[in-house]
């Protein structure tokens, strides 16, 4: 349930944001920018991605959803969380 409802994501940033985006793109990864660069990684490990980055990072966070997060998302999607 957890993996089907919530995405694992890396949140990264660098002074050389263009260089970092180029590296992420060259790895075949998708991303979006929301202040920082958000990289979903369902089929890889965070360690694999981080190890391949050469651009010096200024921000690195690994967002792993909890079972509670998945349950809340499930309730929201099914209308079970509405009052």
Protein backbone atom coordinates (compact mmCIF):
# COMPACT_ATOMS: atom_id res chain seq x y z
CA UNK A 1 0.00 0.00 0.00
CA UNK A 2 2.75 2.42 0.99
CA UNK A 3 4.70 2.21 -2.27
CA UNK A 4 1.60 2.44 -4.43
CA UNK A 5 0.31 5.59 -2.72
CA UNK A 6 3.41 7.64 -1.97
CA UNK A 7 6.61 8.37 -3.82
CA UNK A 8 10.11 8.13 -2.49
CA UNK A 9 11.93 11.34 -3.34
CA UNK A 10 15.31 12.97 -3.08
CA UNK A 11 15.32 16.69 -2.39
CA UNK A 12 18.58 18.16 -3.63
CA UNK A 13 20.07 21.51 -4.55
CA UNK A 14 23.42 23.00 -5.47
CA UNK A 15 25.00 26.33 -6.25
CA UNK A 16 25.44 24.92 -9.76
CA UNK A 17 21.76 24.05 -10.16
CA UNK A 18 22.05 23.76 -13.96
CA UNK A 19 24.91 21.28 -13.61
CA UNK A 20 22.96 19.22 -11.09
CA UNK A 21 19.89 19.16 -13.34
CA UNK A 22 22.09 18.06 -16.24
CA UNK A 23 23.47 15.16 -14.17
CA UNK A 24 19.99 14.09 -13.07
CA UNK A 25 18.75 14.22 -16.67
CA UNK A 26 21.77 12.24 -17.90
CA UNK A 27 20.89 9.49 -15.42
CA UNK A 28 17.48 9.24 -17.06
CA UNK A 29 15.69 10.49 -13.97
CA UNK A 30 12.70 12.78 -13.93
CA UNK A 31 12.59 15.79 -11.62
CA UNK A 32 10.67 18.93 -10.86
CA UNK A 33 11.73 22.14 -9.20
CA UNK A 34 9.80 23.41 -6.21
CA UNK A 35 12.37 25.66 -4.58
CA UNK A 36 14.74 22.68 -4.53
CA UNK A 37 15.07 19.89 -7.09
CA UNK A 38 12.72 16.98 -6.33
CA UNK A 39 13.75 13.60 -7.80
CA UNK A 40 11.38 10.61 -7.48
CA UNK A 41 13.26 7.30 -7.30
CA UNK A 42 10.91 4.32 -7.16
CA UNK A 43 13.12 1.95 -9.19
CA UNK A 44 16.53 2.91 -7.77
CA UNK A 45 18.03 3.47 -4.37
CA UNK A 46 18.80 6.91 -3.01
CA UNK A 47 22.38 5.78 -2.39
CA UNK A 48 22.85 4.82 -6.05
CA UNK A 49 21.72 8.24 -7.23
CA UNK A 50 23.69 10.21 -4.65
CA UNK A 51 26.88 8.23 -5.33
CA UNK A 52 26.73 9.11 -9.04
CA UNK A 53 26.34 12.86 -8.50
CA UNK A 54 29.52 14.89 -8.93
CA UNK A 55 28.00 18.33 -8.37
CA UNK A 56 28.58 19.56 -4.82
CA UNK A 57 25.21 19.53 -3.03
CA UNK A 58 24.01 22.29 -0.73
CA UNK A 59 20.79 20.42 0.16
CA UNK A 60 20.19 16.67 0.50
CA UNK A 61 17.06 15.14 1.99
CA UNK A 62 15.64 11.68 1.50
CA UNK A 63 11.87 11.61 1.80
CA UNK A 64 10.56 8.14 2.63
CA UNK A 65 6.83 7.96 3.32
CA UNK A 66 5.72 6.26 6.50
CA UNK A 67 2.86 3.77 6.75
CA UNK A 68 0.88 6.52 8.48
CA UNK A 69 1.48 8.84 5.51
CA UNK A 70 0.19 6.10 3.17
CA UNK A 71 -2.92 5.56 5.32
CA UNK A 72 -3.74 9.28 5.37
CA UNK A 73 -3.24 9.46 1.58
CA UNK A 74 -5.50 6.41 1.17
CA UNK A 75 -8.23 8.07 3.25
CA UNK A 76 -7.94 11.26 1.24
CA UNK A 77 -8.20 9.40 -2.07
CA UNK A 78 -11.17 7.30 -1.02
CA UNK A 79 -13.05 10.08 0.71
CA UNK A 80 -12.64 8.39 4.09
CA UNK A 81 -10.99 11.48 5.52
CA UNK A 82 -13.90 13.81 4.79
CA UNK A 83 -16.04 14.95 7.68
